[in-house]
């Protein structure tokens, strides 16, 4: 989808069609970077999903959940007190 907007007093409006496509809501924080002469905006949610996908490469398919193991350990320690 190609669309455009203008810069005015250092501000830019993100067109509604793009906000809807990316599920951007009022108050969402954007992360801005300059890459190869282009301005790139992303969200924390998108960055988190990229990071999770990156780490999933290194987790064996049938590996137990480390979060579940940690919770179980904490519960056991709490009951032992």
N, C-alpha and C. Protein backbone atom coordinates (compact mmCIF):
# COMPACT_ATOMS: atom_id res chain seq x y z
N UNK A 1 0.84 -1.17 0.00
CA UNK A 1 0.00 0.00 0.00
C UNK A 1 0.89 1.23 0.00
N UNK A 2 0.71 2.07 -0.96
CA UNK A 2 1.46 3.31 -1.03
C UNK A 2 0.55 4.45 -0.59
N UNK A 3 1.08 5.28 0.25
CA UNK A 3 0.36 6.45 0.71
C UNK A 3 1.39 7.50 1.09
N UNK A 4 0.97 8.70 1.32
CA UNK A 4 1.93 9.74 1.68
C UNK A 4 1.31 10.70 2.68
N UNK A 5 2.18 11.42 3.35
CA UNK A 5 1.76 12.49 4.24
C UNK A 5 2.87 13.54 4.23
N UNK A 6 2.58 14.70 4.79
CA UNK A 6 3.54 15.80 4.76
C UNK A 6 4.10 16.06 6.15
N UNK A 7 5.30 16.59 6.18
CA UNK A 7 5.93 17.00 7.41
C UNK A 7 5.54 18.44 7.69
N UNK A 8 5.07 18.70 8.90
CA UNK A 8 4.65 20.05 9.28
C UNK A 8 5.13 20.34 10.69
N UNK A 9 6.01 21.32 10.84
CA UNK A 9 6.56 21.68 12.15
C UNK A 9 7.19 20.48 12.86
N UNK A 10 7.86 19.64 12.10
CA UNK A 10 8.53 18.49 12.70
C UNK A 10 7.61 17.34 13.04
N UNK A 11 6.36 17.39 12.60
CA UNK A 11 5.39 16.35 12.89
C UNK A 11 4.90 15.72 11.59
N UNK A 12 4.56 14.46 11.69
CA UNK A 12 4.02 13.76 10.53
C UNK A 12 2.78 12.99 10.98
N UNK A 13 1.80 12.93 10.12
CA UNK A 13 0.58 12.18 10.40
C UNK A 13 0.69 10.83 9.70
N UNK A 14 0.44 9.77 10.45
CA UNK A 14 0.43 8.43 9.85
C UNK A 14 -0.97 8.21 9.28
N UNK A 15 -1.08 7.96 8.00
CA UNK A 15 -2.40 7.79 7.39
C UNK A 15 -3.22 6.68 8.07
N UNK A 16 -4.52 6.88 8.14
CA UNK A 16 -5.42 5.95 8.83
C UNK A 16 -5.30 4.53 8.28
N UNK A 17 -5.18 4.39 6.96
CA UNK A 17 -5.09 3.05 6.37
C UNK A 17 -3.87 2.29 6.90
N UNK A 18 -2.74 2.98 7.06
CA UNK A 18 -1.55 2.33 7.61
C UNK A 18 -1.71 2.03 9.10
N UNK A 19 -2.33 2.97 9.84
CA UNK A 19 -2.56 2.72 11.27
C UNK A 19 -3.43 1.49 11.46
N UNK A 20 -4.45 1.35 10.63
CA UNK A 20 -5.33 0.18 10.72
C UNK A 20 -4.59 -1.10 10.34
N UNK A 21 -3.82 -1.04 9.27
CA UNK A 21 -3.08 -2.22 8.81
C UNK A 21 -2.10 -2.71 9.87
N UNK A 22 -1.47 -1.76 10.57
CA UNK A 22 -0.47 -2.12 11.58
C UNK A 22 -1.05 -2.19 12.99
N UNK A 23 -2.36 -2.00 13.11
CA UNK A 23 -3.06 -2.03 14.40
C UNK A 23 -2.45 -1.05 15.40
N UNK A 24 -2.15 0.16 14.92
CA UNK A 24 -1.62 1.20 15.80
C UNK A 24 -2.76 1.90 16.51
N UNK A 25 -2.60 2.10 17.80
CA UNK A 25 -3.61 2.75 18.62
C UNK A 25 -3.02 4.01 19.24
N UNK A 26 -3.91 4.92 19.68
CA UNK A 26 -3.44 6.11 20.39
C UNK A 26 -2.61 5.68 21.59
N UNK A 27 -1.48 6.31 21.77
CA UNK A 27 -0.61 6.00 22.90
C UNK A 27 0.45 4.96 22.59
N UNK A 28 0.34 4.24 21.46
CA UNK A 28 1.39 3.29 21.10
C UNK A 28 2.69 4.04 20.88
N UNK A 29 3.77 3.45 21.33
CA UNK A 29 5.08 4.08 21.13
C UNK A 29 5.71 3.54 19.86
N UNK A 30 6.28 4.44 19.09
CA UNK A 30 6.99 4.05 17.88
C UNK A 30 8.48 4.17 18.10
N UNK A 31 9.22 3.28 17.49
CA UNK A 31 10.68 3.29 17.54
C UNK A 31 11.14 3.70 16.14
N UNK A 32 11.86 4.82 16.07
CA UNK A 32 12.29 5.38 14.79
C UNK A 32 13.77 5.10 14.57
N UNK A 33 14.12 4.70 13.35
CA UNK A 33 15.53 4.53 12.98
C UNK A 33 15.72 5.01 11.55
N UNK A 34 16.93 5.43 11.26
CA UNK A 34 17.30 5.78 9.88
C UNK A 34 18.13 4.63 9.35
N UNK A 35 17.69 4.08 8.21
CA UNK A 35 18.38 2.92 7.65
C UNK A 35 18.51 3.12 6.14
N UNK A 36 19.74 3.19 5.68
CA UNK A 36 20.01 3.33 4.24
C UNK A 36 19.26 4.50 3.63
N UNK A 37 19.23 5.63 4.32
CA UNK A 37 18.60 6.83 3.80
C UNK A 37 17.09 6.84 3.90
N UNK A 38 16.52 5.85 4.61
CA UNK A 38 15.07 5.80 4.79
C UNK A 38 14.74 5.89 6.27
N UNK A 39 13.61 6.46 6.58
CA UNK A 39 13.12 6.53 7.95
C UNK A 39 12.22 5.33 8.18
N UNK A 40 12.55 4.54 9.21
CA UNK A 40 11.80 3.32 9.50
C UNK A 40 11.17 3.46 10.88
N UNK A 41 9.89 3.20 10.96
CA UNK A 41 9.17 3.24 12.24
C UNK A 41 8.65 1.84 12.53
N UNK A 42 8.78 1.43 13.78
CA UNK A 42 8.26 0.14 14.21
C UNK A 42 7.68 0.31 15.61
N UNK A 43 7.00 -0.69 16.08
CA UNK A 43 6.41 -0.64 17.42
C UNK A 43 7.16 -1.57 18.36
N UNK A 44 6.95 -1.37 19.63
CA UNK A 44 7.54 -2.27 20.62
C UNK A 44 7.00 -3.69 20.43
N UNK A 45 5.72 -3.78 20.11
CA UNK A 45 5.08 -5.08 19.89
C UNK A 45 5.78 -5.81 18.74
N UNK A 46 6.04 -5.11 17.63
CA UNK A 46 6.71 -5.72 16.48
C UNK A 46 8.13 -6.13 16.84
N UNK A 47 8.83 -5.30 17.58
CA UNK A 47 10.19 -5.64 18.01
C UNK A 47 10.20 -6.86 18.91
N UNK A 48 9.21 -6.95 19.82
CA UNK A 48 9.11 -8.11 20.71
C UNK A 48 8.87 -9.38 19.90
N UNK A 49 7.99 -9.31 18.91
CA UNK A 49 7.71 -10.49 18.09
C UNK A 49 8.96 -10.93 17.32
N UNK A 50 9.74 -9.97 16.82
CA UNK A 50 10.98 -10.30 16.12
C UNK A 50 11.98 -10.96 17.06
N UNK A 51 12.09 -10.42 18.28
CA UNK A 51 13.02 -10.99 19.26
C UNK A 51 12.59 -12.41 19.65
N UNK A 52 11.29 -12.61 19.86
CA UNK A 52 10.80 -13.94 20.21
C UNK A 52 11.08 -14.94 19.09
N UNK A 53 10.87 -14.52 17.85
CA UNK A 53 11.14 -15.40 16.71
C UNK A 53 12.63 -15.74 16.63
N UNK A 54 13.48 -14.76 16.91
CA UNK A 54 14.92 -15.00 16.90
C UNK A 54 15.31 -16.04 17.94
N UNK A 55 14.80 -15.89 19.17
CA UNK A 55 15.16 -16.82 20.23
C UNK A 55 14.55 -18.21 20.02
N UNK A 56 13.40 -18.29 19.36
CA UNK A 56 12.77 -19.58 19.11
C UNK A 56 13.63 -20.47 18.23
N UNK A 57 14.51 -19.87 17.42
CA UNK A 57 15.42 -20.66 16.58
C UNK A 57 16.32 -21.56 17.41
N UNK A 58 16.61 -21.13 18.63
CA UNK A 58 17.58 -21.83 19.45
C UNK A 58 16.95 -22.75 20.49
N UNK A 59 15.62 -22.83 20.51
CA UNK A 59 14.92 -23.68 21.46
C UNK A 59 14.50 -24.95 20.74
N UNK A 60 14.91 -26.12 21.27
CA UNK A 60 14.48 -27.37 20.64
C UNK A 60 12.95 -27.47 20.60
N UNK A 61 12.41 -28.12 19.58
CA UNK A 61 10.97 -28.19 19.36
C UNK A 61 10.19 -28.71 20.57
N UNK A 62 10.66 -29.76 21.21
CA UNK A 62 9.92 -30.38 22.32
C UNK A 62 10.48 -29.99 23.69
N UNK A 63 11.20 -28.90 23.76
CA UNK A 63 11.80 -28.47 25.02
C UNK A 63 10.71 -28.01 25.98
N UNK A 64 10.89 -28.32 27.27
CA UNK A 64 9.91 -27.84 28.26
C UNK A 64 9.99 -26.32 28.38
N UNK A 65 8.93 -25.72 28.81
CA UNK A 65 8.88 -24.28 28.98
C UNK A 65 9.73 -23.87 30.18
N UNK A 66 10.72 -23.03 29.95
CA UNK A 66 11.56 -22.57 31.05
C UNK A 66 10.76 -21.72 32.02
N UNK A 67 9.79 -20.99 31.52
CA UNK A 67 8.94 -20.18 32.40
C UNK A 67 8.13 -21.08 33.32
N UNK A 68 7.57 -22.15 32.77
CA UNK A 68 6.80 -23.09 33.60
C UNK A 68 7.69 -23.75 34.64
N UNK A 69 8.91 -24.11 34.26
CA UNK A 69 9.85 -24.71 35.22
C UNK A 69 10.17 -23.74 36.34
N UNK A 70 10.41 -22.47 36.01
CA UNK A 70 10.72 -21.47 37.02
C UNK A 70 9.54 -21.28 37.98
N UNK A 71 8.34 -21.20 37.44
CA UNK A 71 7.15 -21.04 38.29
C UNK A 71 7.01 -22.22 39.22
N UNK A 72 7.20 -23.44 38.70
CA UNK A 72 7.10 -24.64 39.53
C UNK A 72 8.14 -24.62 40.64
N UNK A 73 9.36 -24.22 40.32
CA UNK A 73 10.43 -24.14 41.34
C UNK A 73 10.07 -23.12 42.41
N UNK A 74 9.57 -21.96 42.01
CA UNK A 74 9.20 -20.92 42.97
C UNK A 74 8.06 -21.38 43.87
N UNK A 75 7.08 -22.07 43.31
CA UNK A 75 5.96 -22.58 44.11
C UNK A 75 6.45 -23.61 45.11
N UNK A 76 7.34 -24.49 44.66
CA UNK A 76 7.88 -25.52 45.56
C UNK A 76 8.67 -24.87 46.68
N UNK A 77 9.46 -23.85 46.36
CA UNK A 77 10.23 -23.16 47.40
C UNK A 77 9.30 -22.44 48.37
N UNK A 78 8.22 -21.87 47.86
CA UNK A 78 7.27 -21.17 48.71
C UNK A 78 6.57 -22.14 49.66
N UNK A 79 6.22 -23.32 49.16
CA UNK A 79 5.56 -24.31 50.00
C UNK A 79 6.50 -24.88 51.05
N UNK A 80 7.80 -24.91 50.74
CA UNK A 80 8.78 -25.46 51.67
C UNK A 80 9.07 -24.51 52.84
N UNK A 81 8.70 -23.26 52.69
CA UNK A 81 8.99 -22.29 53.74
C UNK A 81 8.04 -22.42 54.90
